[in-house]
Amino acid sequence: PDGLEDAFLKWQQRIQAAEAEFRGFLRHKIERPIPGLHDEWI
């Protein structure tokens, strides 16, 4: 939702920190929306 981007990133940081503790974790990559191409965070 609009206006919640910073909160979303902070939530993703908590998720990434938890993932890093699991066996076999390699990477967690975030892509912002690109106007005219896709509206989702990926």
PDB file of all heavy atoms in Angstrom:
ATOM      1  N   PRO A   1       0.823  -1.215   0.000  1.00  0.00           N
ATOM      2  CA  PRO A   1       0.000   0.000   0.000  1.00  0.00           C
ATOM      3  C   PRO A   1       0.857   1.265   0.000  1.00  0.00           C
ATOM      4  O   PRO A   1       1.947   1.291   0.579  1.00  0.00           O
ATOM      5  CB  PRO A   1      -0.811  -0.126   1.300  1.00  0.00           C
ATOM      6  CG  PRO A   1      -0.819  -1.588   1.609  1.00  0.00           C
ATOM      7  CD  PRO A   1       0.511  -2.094   1.142  1.00  0.00           C
ATOM      8  N   ASP A   2       0.370   2.300  -0.642  1.00  0.00           N
ATOM      9  CA  ASP A   2       1.074   3.577  -0.680  1.00  0.00           C
ATOM     10  C   ASP A   2       1.328   4.083   0.732  1.00  0.00           C
ATOM     11  O   ASP A   2       0.464   3.990   1.606  1.00  0.00           O
ATOM     12  CB  ASP A   2       0.254   4.616  -1.449  1.00  0.00           C
ATOM     13  CG  ASP A   2       0.175   4.303  -2.935  1.00  0.00           C
ATOM     14  OD1 ASP A   2       1.015   3.521  -3.409  1.00  0.00           O
ATOM     15  OD2 ASP A   2      -0.727   4.835  -3.609  1.00  0.00           O
ATOM     16  N   GLY A   3       2.536   4.588   0.950  1.00  0.00           N
ATOM     17  CA  GLY A   3       2.894   5.149   2.239  1.00  0.00           C
ATOM     18  C   GLY A   3       3.478   4.155   3.211  1.00  0.00           C
ATOM     19  O   GLY A   3       3.952   4.547   4.282  1.00  0.00           O
ATOM     20  N   LEU A   4       3.461   2.869   2.850  1.00  0.00           N
ATOM     21  CA  LEU A   4       3.981   1.845   3.757  1.00  0.00           C
ATOM     22  C   LEU A   4       5.291   1.242   3.249  1.00  0.00           C
ATOM     23  O   LEU A   4       5.718   0.196   3.741  1.00  0.00           O
ATOM     24  CB  LEU A   4       2.942   0.737   3.950  1.00  0.00           C
ATOM     25  CG  LEU A   4       1.640   1.139   4.647  1.00  0.00           C
ATOM     26  CD1 LEU A   4       0.715  -0.061   4.792  1.00  0.00           C
ATOM     27  CD2 LEU A   4       1.927   1.763   6.011  1.00  0.00           C
ATOM     28  N   GLU A   5       5.930   1.903   2.297  1.00  0.00           N
ATOM     29  CA  GLU A   5       7.138   1.340   1.700  1.00  0.00           C
ATOM     30  C   GLU A   5       8.258   1.153   2.725  1.00  0.00           C
ATOM     31  O   GLU A   5       8.926   0.109   2.746  1.00  0.00           O
ATOM     32  CB  GLU A   5       7.617   2.218   0.542  1.00  0.00           C
ATOM     33  CG  GLU A   5       6.696   2.247  -0.654  1.00  0.00           C
ATOM     34  CD  GLU A   5       5.570   3.260  -0.525  1.00  0.00           C
ATOM     35  OE1 GLU A   5       5.481   3.926   0.536  1.00  0.00           O
ATOM     36  OE2 GLU A   5       4.788   3.394  -1.485  1.00  0.00           O
ATOM     37  N   ASP A   6       8.489   2.156   3.565  1.00  0.00           N
ATOM     38  CA  ASP A   6       9.560   2.051   4.557  1.00  0.00           C
ATOM     39  C   ASP A   6       9.269   0.944   5.567  1.00  0.00           C
ATOM     40  O   ASP A   6      10.168   0.187   5.958  1.00  0.00           O
ATOM     41  CB  ASP A   6       9.745   3.387   5.289  1.00  0.00           C
ATOM     42  CG  ASP A   6      10.392   4.446   4.406  1.00  0.00           C
ATOM     43  OD1 ASP A   6      10.954   4.069   3.352  1.00  0.00           O
ATOM     44  OD2 ASP A   6      10.332   5.632   4.764  1.00  0.00           O
ATOM     45  N   ALA A   7       8.019   0.836   5.979  1.00  0.00           N
ATOM     46  CA  ALA A   7       7.644  -0.228   6.910  1.00  0.00           C
ATOM     47  C   ALA A   7       7.829  -1.595   6.263  1.00  0.00           C
ATOM     48  O   ALA A   7       8.259  -2.550   6.922  1.00  0.00           O
ATOM     49  CB  ALA A   7       6.192  -0.041   7.358  1.00  0.00           C
ATOM     50  N   PHE A   8       7.513  -1.695   4.975  1.00  0.00           N
ATOM     51  CA  PHE A   8       7.701  -2.959   4.253  1.00  0.00           C
ATOM     52  C   PHE A   8       9.172  -3.347   4.216  1.00  0.00           C
ATOM     53  O   PHE A   8       9.524  -4.514   4.446  1.00  0.00           O
ATOM     54  CB  PHE A   8       7.158  -2.818   2.830  1.00  0.00           C
ATOM     55  CG  PHE A   8       7.435  -4.005   1.951  1.00  0.00           C
ATOM     56  CD1 PHE A   8       6.705  -5.175   2.082  1.00  0.00           C
ATOM     57  CD2 PHE A   8       8.436  -3.944   0.986  1.00  0.00           C
ATOM     58  CE1 PHE A   8       6.966  -6.275   1.272  1.00  0.00           C
ATOM     59  CE2 PHE A   8       8.701  -5.032   0.170  1.00  0.00           C
ATOM     60  CZ  PHE A   8       7.965  -6.204   0.317  1.00  0.00           C
ATOM     61  N   LEU A   9      10.051  -2.385   3.944  1.00  0.00           N
ATOM     62  CA  LEU A   9      11.486  -2.677   3.888  1.00  0.00           C
ATOM     63  C   LEU A   9      12.021  -3.111   5.250  1.00  0.00           C
ATOM     64  O   LEU A   9      12.847  -4.026   5.335  1.00  0.00           O
ATOM     65  CB  LEU A   9      12.241  -1.458   3.373  1.00  0.00           C
ATOM     66  CG  LEU A   9      12.091  -1.166   1.876  1.00  0.00           C
ATOM     67  CD1 LEU A   9      12.720   0.177   1.528  1.00  0.00           C
ATOM     68  CD2 LEU A   9      12.711  -2.277   1.044  1.00  0.00           C
ATOM     69  N   LYS A  10      11.558  -2.475   6.312  1.00  0.00           N
ATOM     70  CA  LYS A  10      12.001  -2.867   7.649  1.00  0.00           C
ATOM     71  C   LYS A  10      11.528  -4.287   7.972  1.00  0.00           C
ATOM     72  O   LYS A  10      12.260  -5.067   8.589  1.00  0.00           O
ATOM     73  CB  LYS A  10      11.472  -1.873   8.685  1.00  0.00           C
ATOM     74  CG  LYS A  10      12.137  -0.502   8.600  1.00  0.00           C
ATOM     75  CD  LYS A  10      11.551   0.467   9.616  1.00  0.00           C
ATOM     76  CE  LYS A  10      12.214   1.823   9.499  1.00  0.00           C
ATOM     77  NZ  LYS A  10      11.620   2.813  10.437  1.00  0.00           N
ATOM     78  N   TRP A  11      10.313  -4.614   7.542  1.00  0.00           N
ATOM     79  CA  TRP A  11       9.800  -5.970   7.745  1.00  0.00           C
ATOM     80  C   TRP A  11      10.635  -6.980   6.954  1.00  0.00           C
ATOM     81  O   TRP A  11      10.987  -8.042   7.462  1.00  0.00           O
ATOM     82  CB  TRP A  11       8.343  -6.003   7.308  1.00  0.00           C
ATOM     83  CG  TRP A  11       7.671  -7.338   7.373  1.00  0.00           C
ATOM     84  CD1 TRP A  11       7.522  -8.131   8.473  1.00  0.00           C
ATOM     85  CD2 TRP A  11       7.054  -8.025   6.285  1.00  0.00           C
ATOM     86  NE1 TRP A  11       6.831  -9.275   8.134  1.00  0.00           N
ATOM     87  CE2 TRP A  11       6.530  -9.240   6.807  1.00  0.00           C
ATOM     88  CE3 TRP A  11       6.859  -7.734   4.938  1.00  0.00           C
ATOM     89  CZ2 TRP A  11       5.841 -10.156   6.004  1.00  0.00           C
ATOM     90  CZ3 TRP A  11       6.172  -8.633   4.141  1.00  0.00           C
ATOM     91  CH2 TRP A  11       5.683  -9.838   4.680  1.00  0.00           C
ATOM     92  N   GLN A  12      10.995  -6.639   5.723  1.00  0.00           N
ATOM     93  CA  GLN A  12      11.818  -7.522   4.911  1.00  0.00           C
ATOM     94  C   GLN A  12      13.206  -7.707   5.523  1.00  0.00           C
ATOM     95  O   GLN A  12      13.809  -8.784   5.415  1.00  0.00           O
ATOM     96  CB  GLN A  12      11.932  -6.975   3.492  1.00  0.00           C
ATOM     97  CG  GLN A  12      10.703  -7.201   2.633  1.00  0.00           C
ATOM     98  CD  GLN A  12      10.434  -8.665   2.383  1.00  0.00           C
ATOM     99  OE1 GLN A  12      11.328  -9.421   2.016  1.00  0.00           O
ATOM    100  NE2 GLN A  12       9.191  -9.081   2.591  1.00  0.00           N
ATOM    101  N   GLN A  13      13.728  -6.669   6.166  1.00  0.00           N
ATOM    102  CA  GLN A  13      15.024  -6.800   6.833  1.00  0.00           C
ATOM    103  C   GLN A  13      14.954  -7.822   7.961  1.00  0.00           C
ATOM    104  O   GLN A  13      15.892  -8.606   8.159  1.00  0.00           O
ATOM    105  CB  GLN A  13      15.470  -5.433   7.361  1.00  0.00           C
ATOM    106  CG  GLN A  13      15.931  -4.480   6.265  1.00  0.00           C
ATOM    107  CD  GLN A  13      16.230  -3.090   6.786  1.00  0.00           C
ATOM    108  OE1 GLN A  13      15.902  -2.767   7.932  1.00  0.00           O
ATOM    109  NE2 GLN A  13      16.828  -2.260   5.959  1.00  0.00           N
ATOM    110  N   ARG A  14      13.848  -7.845   8.709  1.00  0.00           N
ATOM    111  CA  ARG A  14      13.686  -8.839   9.767  1.00  0.00           C
ATOM    112  C   ARG A  14      13.590 -10.238   9.171  1.00  0.00           C
ATOM    113  O   ARG A  14      14.162 -11.196   9.714  1.00  0.00           O
ATOM    114  CB  ARG A  14      12.446  -8.524  10.611  1.00  0.00           C
ATOM    115  CG  ARG A  14      12.542  -7.240  11.411  1.00  0.00           C
ATOM    116  CD  ARG A  14      11.545  -7.209  12.560  1.00  0.00           C
ATOM    117  NE  ARG A  14      10.161  -7.356  12.110  1.00  0.00           N
ATOM    118  CZ  ARG A  14       9.409  -6.367  11.672  1.00  0.00           C
ATOM    119  NH1 ARG A  14       9.912  -5.135  11.612  1.00  0.00           N
ATOM    120  NH2 ARG A  14       8.164  -6.577  11.310  1.00  0.00           N
ATOM    121  N   ILE A  15      12.890 -10.344   8.053  1.00  0.00           N
ATOM    122  CA  ILE A  15      12.773 -11.648   7.392  1.00  0.00           C
ATOM    123  C   ILE A  15      14.130 -12.116   6.896  1.00  0.00           C
ATOM    124  O   ILE A  15      14.516 -13.276   7.077  1.00  0.00           O
ATOM    125  CB  ILE A  15      11.765 -11.567   6.229  1.00  0.00           C
ATOM    126  CG1 ILE A  15      10.347 -11.375   6.774  1.00  0.00           C
ATOM    127  CG2 ILE A  15      11.844 -12.821   5.354  1.00  0.00           C
ATOM    128  CD1 ILE A  15       9.298 -11.195   5.697  1.00  0.00           C
ATOM    129  N   GLN A  16      14.887 -11.216   6.270  1.00  0.00           N
ATOM    130  CA  GLN A  16      16.196 -11.599   5.746  1.00  0.00           C
ATOM    131  C   GLN A  16      17.133 -12.043   6.874  1.00  0.00           C
ATOM    132  O   GLN A  16      17.886 -13.017   6.724  1.00  0.00           O
ATOM    133  CB  GLN A  16      16.827 -10.448   4.980  1.00  0.00           C
ATOM    134  CG  GLN A  16      18.163 -10.821   4.338  1.00  0.00           C
ATOM    135  CD  GLN A  16      18.736  -9.680   3.532  1.00  0.00           C
ATOM    136  OE1 GLN A  16      18.265  -8.563   3.602  1.00  0.00           O
ATOM    137  NE2 GLN A  16      19.772  -9.969   2.755  1.00  0.00           N
ATOM    138  N   ALA A  17      17.089 -11.360   8.000  1.00  0.00           N
ATOM    139  CA  ALA A  17      17.938 -11.741   9.127  1.00  0.00           C
ATOM    140  C   ALA A  17      17.590 -13.148   9.606  1.00  0.00           C
ATOM    141  O   ALA A  17      18.476 -13.934   9.967  1.00  0.00           O
ATOM    142  CB  ALA A  17      17.782 -10.735  10.259  1.00  0.00           C
ATOM    143  N   ALA A  18      16.294 -13.482   9.604  1.00  0.00           N
ATOM    144  CA  ALA A  18      15.879 -14.819  10.022  1.00  0.00           C
ATOM    145  C   ALA A  18      16.292 -15.863   8.989  1.00  0.00           C
ATOM    146  O   ALA A  18      16.769 -16.950   9.350  1.00  0.00           O
ATOM    147  CB  ALA A  18      14.366 -14.842  10.232  1.00  0.00           C
ATOM    148  N   GLU A  19      16.136 -15.553   7.720  1.00  0.00           N
ATOM    149  CA  GLU A  19      16.517 -16.489   6.659  1.00  0.00           C
ATOM    150  C   GLU A  19      17.997 -16.847   6.737  1.00  0.00           C
ATOM    151  O   GLU A  19      18.385 -17.999   6.497  1.00  0.00           O
ATOM    152  CB  GLU A  19      16.222 -15.869   5.284  1.00  0.00           C
ATOM    153  CG  GLU A  19      14.756 -15.732   4.949  1.00  0.00           C
ATOM    154  CD  GLU A  19      14.512 -14.803   3.786  1.00  0.00           C
ATOM    155  OE1 GLU A  19      15.463 -14.082   3.380  1.00  0.00           O
ATOM    156  OE2 GLU A  19      13.382 -14.780   3.289  1.00  0.00           O
ATOM    157  N   ALA A  20      18.809 -15.841   7.040  1.00  0.00           N
ATOM    158  CA  ALA A  20      20.258 -16.042   7.051  1.00  0.00           C
ATOM    159  C   ALA A  20      20.698 -17.069   8.090  1.00  0.00           C
ATOM    160  O   ALA A  20      21.802 -17.618   7.994  1.00  0.00           O
ATOM    161  CB  ALA A  20      20.972 -14.709   7.289  1.00  0.00           C
ATOM    162  N   GLU A  21      19.832 -17.344   9.068  1.00  0.00           N
ATOM    163  CA  GLU A  21      20.164 -18.321  10.100  1.00  0.00           C
ATOM    164  C   GLU A  21      19.828 -19.749   9.669  1.00  0.00           C
ATOM    165  O   GLU A  21      20.193 -20.703  10.351  1.00  0.00           O
ATOM    166  CB  GLU A  21      19.405 -17.995  11.394  1.00  0.00           C
ATOM    167  CG  GLU A  21      19.771 -16.640  12.006  1.00  0.00           C
ATOM    168  CD  GLU A  21      21.236 -16.577  12.406  1.00  0.00           C
ATOM    169  OE1 GLU A  21      21.751 -17.592  12.910  1.00  0.00           O
ATOM    170  OE2 GLU A  21      21.861 -15.518  12.214  1.00  0.00           O
ATOM    171  N   PHE A  22      19.147 -19.887   8.520  1.00  0.00           N
ATOM    172  CA  PHE A  22      18.733 -21.212   8.076  1.00  0.00           C
ATOM    173  C   PHE A  22      19.778 -21.817   7.147  1.00  0.00           C
ATOM    174  O   PHE A  22      20.427 -21.113   6.360  1.00  0.00           O
ATOM    175  CB  PHE A  22      17.380 -21.129   7.352  1.00  0.00           C
ATOM    176  CG  PHE A  22      16.195 -21.238   8.280  1.00  0.00           C
ATOM    177  CD1 PHE A  22      15.942 -20.243   9.210  1.00  0.00           C
ATOM    178  CD2 PHE A  22      15.358 -22.331   8.244  1.00  0.00           C
ATOM    179  CE1 PHE A  22      14.868 -20.328  10.079  1.00  0.00           C
ATOM    180  CE2 PHE A  22      14.275 -22.438   9.102  1.00  0.00           C
ATOM    181  CZ  PHE A  22      14.032 -21.432  10.023  1.00  0.00           C
ATOM    182  N   ARG A  23      19.928 -23.123   7.248  1.00  0.00           N
ATOM    183  CA  ARG A  23      20.904 -23.850   6.429  1.00  0.00           C
ATOM    184  C   ARG A  23      20.610 -23.647   4.936  1.00  0.00           C
ATOM    185  O   ARG A  23      19.470 -23.746   4.492  1.00  0.00           O
ATOM    186  CB  ARG A  23      20.854 -25.342   6.748  1.00  0.00           C
ATOM    187  CG  ARG A  23      21.865 -26.184   5.960  1.00  0.00           C
ATOM    188  CD  ARG A  23      21.641 -27.666   6.213  1.00  0.00           C
ATOM    189  NE  ARG A  23      21.794 -27.991   7.625  1.00  0.00           N
ATOM    190  CZ  ARG A  23      22.959 -28.268   8.190  1.00  0.00           C
ATOM    191  NH1 ARG A  23      24.071 -28.252   7.471  1.00  0.00           N
ATOM    192  NH2 ARG A  23      23.018 -28.565   9.481  1.00  0.00           N
ATOM    193  N   GLY A  24      21.679 -23.365   4.184  1.00  0.00           N
ATOM    194  CA  GLY A  24      21.563 -23.284   2.737  1.00  0.00           C
ATOM    195  C   GLY A  24      21.140 -21.939   2.181  1.00  0.00           C
ATOM    196  O   GLY A  24      21.036 -21.777   0.963  1.00  0.00           O
ATOM    197  N   PHE A  25      20.900 -20.939   3.053  1.00  0.00           N
ATOM    198  CA  PHE A  25      20.492 -19.621   2.557  1.00  0.00           C
ATOM    199  C   PHE A  25      21.601 -19.009   1.701  1.00  0.00           C
ATOM    200  O   PHE A  25      22.777 -19.039   2.062  1.00  0.00           O
ATOM    201  CB  PHE A  25      20.183 -18.697   3.737  1.00  0.00           C
ATOM    202  CG  PHE A  25      19.965 -17.262   3.329  1.00  0.00           C
ATOM    203  CD1 PHE A  25      18.783 -16.860   2.742  1.00  0.00           C
ATOM    204  CD2 PHE A  25      20.973 -16.318   3.517  1.00  0.00           C
ATOM    205  CE1 PHE A  25      18.582 -15.544   2.363  1.00  0.00           C
ATOM    206  CE2 PHE A  25      20.783 -14.997   3.147  1.00  0.00           C
ATOM    207  CZ  PHE A  25      19.587 -14.607   2.566  1.00  0.00           C
ATOM    208  N   LEU A  26      21.214 -18.458   0.548  1.00  0.00           N
ATOM    209  CA  LEU A  26      22.180 -17.823  -0.340  1.00  0.00           C
ATOM    210  C   LEU A  26      21.955 -16.329  -0.481  1.00  0.00           C
ATOM    211  O   LEU A  26      22.883 -15.542  -0.330  1.00  0.00           O
ATOM    212  CB  LEU A  26      22.121 -18.473  -1.736  1.00  0.00           C
ATOM    213  CG  LEU A  26      22.542 -19.936  -1.811  1.00  0.00           C
ATOM    214  CD1 LEU A  26      22.361 -20.446  -3.247  1.00  0.00           C
ATOM    215  CD2 LEU A  26      23.985 -20.118  -1.354  1.00  0.00           C
ATOM    216  N   ARG A  27      20.719 -15.919  -0.776  1.00  0.00           N
ATOM    217  CA  ARG A  27      20.501 -14.498  -1.035  1.00  0.00           C
ATOM    218  C   ARG A  27      19.021 -14.153  -0.957  1.00  0.00           C
ATOM    219  O   ARG A  27      18.152 -15.002  -1.150  1.00  0.00           O
ATOM    220  CB  ARG A  27      21.060 -14.094  -2.398  1.00  0.00           C
ATOM    221  CG  ARG A  27      20.562 -14.921  -3.565  1.00  0.00           C
ATOM    222  CD  ARG A  27      21.255 -14.530  -4.866  1.00  0.00           C
ATOM    223  NE  ARG A  27      22.589 -15.057  -4.943  1.00  0.00           N
ATOM    224  CZ  ARG A  27      22.928 -16.155  -5.611  1.00  0.00           C
ATOM    225  NH1 ARG A  27      22.002 -16.856  -6.239  1.00  0.00           N
ATOM    226  NH2 ARG A  27      24.165 -16.578  -5.644  1.00  0.00           N
ATOM    227  N   HIS A  28      18.796 -12.893  -0.671  1.00  0.00           N
ATOM    228  CA  HIS A  28      17.452 -12.314  -0.584  1.00  0.00           C
ATOM    229  C   HIS A  28      17.528 -10.984  -1.321  1.00  0.00           C
ATOM    230  O   HIS A  28      18.171 -10.058  -0.856  1.00  0.00           O
ATOM    231  CB  HIS A  28      17.078 -12.128   0.897  1.00  0.00           C
ATOM    232  CG  HIS A  28      15.767 -11.455   1.147  1.00  0.00           C
ATOM    233  ND1 HIS A  28      14.733 -12.074   1.819  1.00  0.00           N
ATOM    234  CD2 HIS A  28      15.323 -10.213   0.862  1.00  0.00           C
ATOM    235  CE1 HIS A  28      13.712 -11.247   1.932  1.00  0.00           C
ATOM    236  NE2 HIS A  28      14.052 -10.102   1.358  1.00  0.00           N
ATOM    237  N   LYS A  29      16.923 -10.905  -2.459  1.00  0.00           N
ATOM    238  CA  LYS A  29      17.041  -9.736  -3.327  1.00  0.00           C
ATOM    239  C   LYS A  29      15.695  -9.058  -3.472  1.00  0.00           C
ATOM    240  O   LYS A  29      14.694  -9.714  -3.786  1.00  0.00           O
ATOM    241  CB  LYS A  29      17.555 -10.175  -4.706  1.00  0.00           C
ATOM    242  CG  LYS A  29      17.635  -9.067  -5.744  1.00  0.00           C
ATOM    243  CD  LYS A  29      18.740  -8.082  -5.451  1.00  0.00           C
ATOM    244  CE  LYS A  29      18.959  -7.128  -6.630  1.00  0.00           C
ATOM    245  NZ  LYS A  29      19.986  -6.133  -6.338  1.00  0.00           N
ATOM    246  N   ILE A  30      15.641  -7.751  -3.245  1.00  0.00           N
ATOM    247  CA  ILE A  30      14.399  -6.986  -3.355  1.00  0.00           C
ATOM    248  C   ILE A  30      14.454  -6.095  -4.593  1.00  0.00           C
ATOM    249  O   ILE A  30      15.443  -5.395  -4.815  1.00  0.00           O
ATOM    250  CB  ILE A  30      14.167  -6.109  -2.111  1.00  0.00           C
ATOM    251  CG1 ILE A  30      14.075  -6.976  -0.855  1.00  0.00           C
ATOM    252  CG2 ILE A  30      12.899  -5.280  -2.273  1.00  0.00           C
ATOM    253  CD1 ILE A  30      13.926  -6.170   0.418  1.00  0.00           C
ATOM    254  N   GLU A  31      13.388  -6.118  -5.379  1.00  0.00           N
ATOM    255  CA  GLU A  31      13.231  -5.208  -6.510  1.00  0.00           C
ATOM    256  C   GLU A  31      12.013  -4.324  -6.279  1.00  0.00           C
ATOM    257  O   GLU A  31      10.914  -4.819  -6.029  1.00  0.00           O
ATOM    258  CB  GLU A  31      13.056  -5.986  -7.825  1.00  0.00           C
ATOM    259  CG  GLU A  31      14.328  -6.630  -8.329  1.00  0.00           C
ATOM    260  CD  GLU A  31      15.425  -5.614  -8.620  1.00  0.00           C
ATOM    261  OE1 GLU A  31      15.096  -4.466  -9.004  1.00  0.00           O
ATOM    262  OE2 GLU A  31      16.596  -5.955  -8.461  1.00  0.00           O
ATOM    263  N   ARG A  32      12.218  -3.012  -6.341  1.00  0.00           N
ATOM    264  CA  ARG A  32      11.112  -2.073  -6.219  1.00  0.00           C
ATOM    265  C   ARG A  32      10.240  -2.106  -7.482  1.00  0.00           C
ATOM    266  O   ARG A  32      10.689  -2.555  -8.545  1.00  0.00           O
ATOM    267  CB  ARG A  32      11.650  -0.645  -6.045  1.00  0.00           C
ATOM    268  CG  ARG A  32      12.302  -0.379  -4.702  1.00  0.00           C
ATOM    269  CD  ARG A  32      12.949   0.994  -4.685  1.00  0.00           C
ATOM    270  NE  ARG A  32      13.462   1.330  -3.366  1.00  0.00           N
ATOM    271  CZ  ARG A  32      12.800   2.019  -2.452  1.00  0.00           C
ATOM    272  NH1 ARG A  32      11.571   2.438  -2.721  1.00  0.00           N
ATOM    273  NH2 ARG A  32      13.341   2.286  -1.285  1.00  0.00           N
ATOM    274  N   PRO A  33       9.011  -1.602  -7.383  1.00  0.00           N
ATOM    275  CA  PRO A  33       8.192  -1.448  -8.595  1.00  0.00           C
ATOM    276  C   PRO A  33       8.879  -0.521  -9.595  1.00  0.00           C
ATOM    277  O   PRO A  33       9.596   0.411  -9.211  1.00  0.00           O
ATOM    278  CB  PRO A  33       6.896  -0.821  -8.058  1.00  0.00           C
ATOM    279  CG  PRO A  33       6.861  -1.194  -6.612  1.00  0.00           C
ATOM    280  CD  PRO A  33       8.292  -1.214  -6.159  1.00  0.00           C
ATOM    281  N   ILE A  34       8.668  -0.804 -10.871  1.00  0.00           N
ATOM    282  CA  ILE A  34       9.202   0.042 -11.937  1.00  0.00           C
ATOM    283  C   ILE A  34       8.012   0.567 -12.725  1.00  0.00           C
ATOM    284  O   ILE A  34       7.321  -0.208 -13.396  1.00  0.00           O
ATOM    285  CB  ILE A  34      10.163  -0.723 -12.852  1.00  0.00           C
ATOM    286  CG1 ILE A  34      11.344  -1.269 -12.044  1.00  0.00           C
ATOM    287  CG2 ILE A  34      10.665   0.174 -13.990  1.00  0.00           C
ATOM    288  CD1 ILE A  34      12.321  -2.102 -12.861  1.00  0.00           C
ATOM    289  N   PRO A  35       7.708   1.871 -12.656  1.00  0.00           N
ATOM    290  CA  PRO A  35       6.530   2.416 -13.333  1.00  0.00           C
ATOM    291  C   PRO A  35       6.515   2.048 -14.814  1.00  0.00           C
ATOM    292  O   PRO A  35       7.515   2.172 -15.520  1.00  0.00           O
ATOM    293  CB  PRO A  35       6.692   3.931 -13.134  1.00  0.00           C
ATOM    294  CG  PRO A  35       7.499   4.057 -11.872  1.00  0.00           C
ATOM    295  CD  PRO A  35       8.462   2.905 -11.910  1.00  0.00           C
ATOM    296  N   GLY A  36       5.369   1.584 -15.257  1.00  0.00           N
ATOM    297  CA  GLY A  36       5.209   1.203 -16.647  1.00  0.00           C
ATOM    298  C   GLY A  36       5.612  -0.216 -16.959  1.00  0.00           C
ATOM    299  O   GLY A  36       5.336  -0.718 -18.054  1.00  0.00           O
ATOM    300  N   LEU A  37       6.286  -0.897 -16.006  1.00  0.00           N
ATOM    301  CA  LEU A  37       6.709  -2.273 -16.235  1.00  0.00           C
ATOM    302  C   LEU A  37       6.001  -3.231 -15.277  1.00  0.00           C
ATOM    303  O   LEU A  37       5.388  -4.200 -15.692  1.00  0.00           O
ATOM    304  CB  LEU A  37       8.223  -2.401 -16.079  1.00  0.00           C
ATOM    305  CG  LEU A  37       9.067  -1.666 -17.120  1.00  0.00           C
ATOM    306  CD1 LEU A  37      10.545  -1.870 -16.841  1.00  0.00           C
ATOM    307  CD2 LEU A  37       8.719  -2.140 -18.518  1.00  0.00           C
ATOM    308  N   HIS A  38       6.106  -2.969 -13.969  1.00  0.00           N
ATOM    309  CA  HIS A  38       5.395  -3.803 -13.006  1.00  0.00           C
ATOM    310  C   HIS A  38       5.137  -2.997 -11.757  1.00  0.00           C
ATOM    311  O   HIS A  38       5.925  -2.128 -11.372  1.00  0.00           O
ATOM    312  CB  HIS A  38       6.182  -5.085 -12.677  1.00  0.00           C
ATOM    313  CG  HIS A  38       7.493  -4.854 -12.005  1.00  0.00           C
ATOM    314  ND1 HIS A  38       7.660  -4.922 -10.645  1.00  0.00           N
ATOM    315  CD2 HIS A  38       8.704  -4.548 -12.501  1.00  0.00           C
ATOM    316  CE1 HIS A  38       8.920  -4.670 -10.329  1.00  0.00           C
ATOM    317  NE2 HIS A  38       9.573  -4.442 -11.439  1.00  0.00           N
ATOM    318  N   ASP A  39       4.001  -3.283 -11.111  1.00  0.00           N
ATOM    319  CA  ASP A  39       3.577  -2.525  -9.939  1.00  0.00           C
ATOM    320  C   ASP A  39       3.968  -3.198  -8.631  1.00  0.00           C
ATOM    321  O   ASP A  39       3.866  -2.591  -7.569  1.00  0.00           O
ATOM    322  CB  ASP A  39       2.057  -2.350  -9.963  1.00  0.00           C
ATOM    323  CG  ASP A  39       1.585  -1.568 -11.177  1.00  0.00           C
ATOM    324  OD1 ASP A  39       2.324  -0.653 -11.595  1.00  0.00           O
ATOM    325  OD2 ASP A  39       0.487  -1.870 -11.686  1.00  0.00           O
ATOM    326  N   GLU A  40       4.375  -4.455  -8.681  1.00  0.00           N
ATOM    327  CA  GLU A  40       4.657  -5.207  -7.466  1.00  0.00           C
ATOM    328  C   GLU A  40       6.088  -4.988  -6.971  1.00  0.00           C
ATOM    329  O   GLU A  40       6.984  -4.669  -7.743  1.00  0.00           O
ATOM    330  CB  GLU A  40       4.454  -6.708  -7.706  1.00  0.00           C
ATOM    331  CG  GLU A  40       3.053  -7.103  -8.098  1.00  0.00           C
ATOM    332  CD  GLU A  40       2.825  -7.034  -9.587  1.00  0.00           C
ATOM    333  OE1 GLU A  40       3.772  -6.621 -10.306  1.00  0.00           O
ATOM    334  OE2 GLU A  40       1.723  -7.369 -10.035  1.00  0.00           O
ATOM    335  N   TRP A  41       6.288  -5.166  -5.676  1.00  0.00           N
ATOM    336  CA  TRP A  41       7.613  -5.371  -5.102  1.00  0.00           C
ATOM    337  C   TRP A  41       7.932  -6.844  -5.283  1.00  0.00           C
ATOM    338  O   TRP A  41       7.080  -7.702  -5.023  1.00  0.00           O
ATOM    339  CB  TRP A  41       7.629  -5.008  -3.630  1.00  0.00           C
ATOM    340  CG  TRP A  41       7.495  -3.547  -3.348  1.00  0.00           C
ATOM    341  CD1 TRP A  41       6.394  -2.773  -3.518  1.00  0.00           C
ATOM    342  CD2 TRP A  41       8.508  -2.681  -2.826  1.00  0.00           C
ATOM    343  NE1 TRP A  41       6.637  -1.480  -3.138  1.00  0.00           N
ATOM    344  CE2 TRP A  41       7.940  -1.397  -2.710  1.00  0.00           C
ATOM    345  CE3 TRP A  41       9.833  -2.867  -2.436  1.00  0.00           C
ATOM    346  CZ2 TRP A  41       8.645  -0.304  -2.227  1.00  0.00           C
ATOM    347  CZ3 TRP A  41      10.542  -1.784  -1.948  1.00  0.00           C
ATOM    348  CH2 TRP A  41       9.958  -0.514  -1.851  1.00  0.00           C
ATOM    349  N   ILE A  42       9.134  -7.163  -5.727  1.00  0.00           N
ATOM    350  CA  ILE A  42       9.501  -8.546  -6.026  1.00  0.00           C
ATOM    351  C   ILE A  42      10.709  -8.943  -5.180  1.00  0.00           C
ATOM    352  O   ILE A  42      11.702  -8.211  -5.124  1.00  0.00           O
ATOM    353  CB  ILE A  42       9.803  -8.734  -7.520  1.00  0.00           C
ATOM    354  CG1 ILE A  42       8.546  -8.443  -8.341  1.00  0.00           C
ATOM    355  CG2 ILE A  42      10.306 -10.151  -7.805  1.00  0.00           C
ATOM    356  CD1 ILE A  42       8.780  -8.445  -9.832  1.00  0.00           C
TER     357      ILE A  42
END
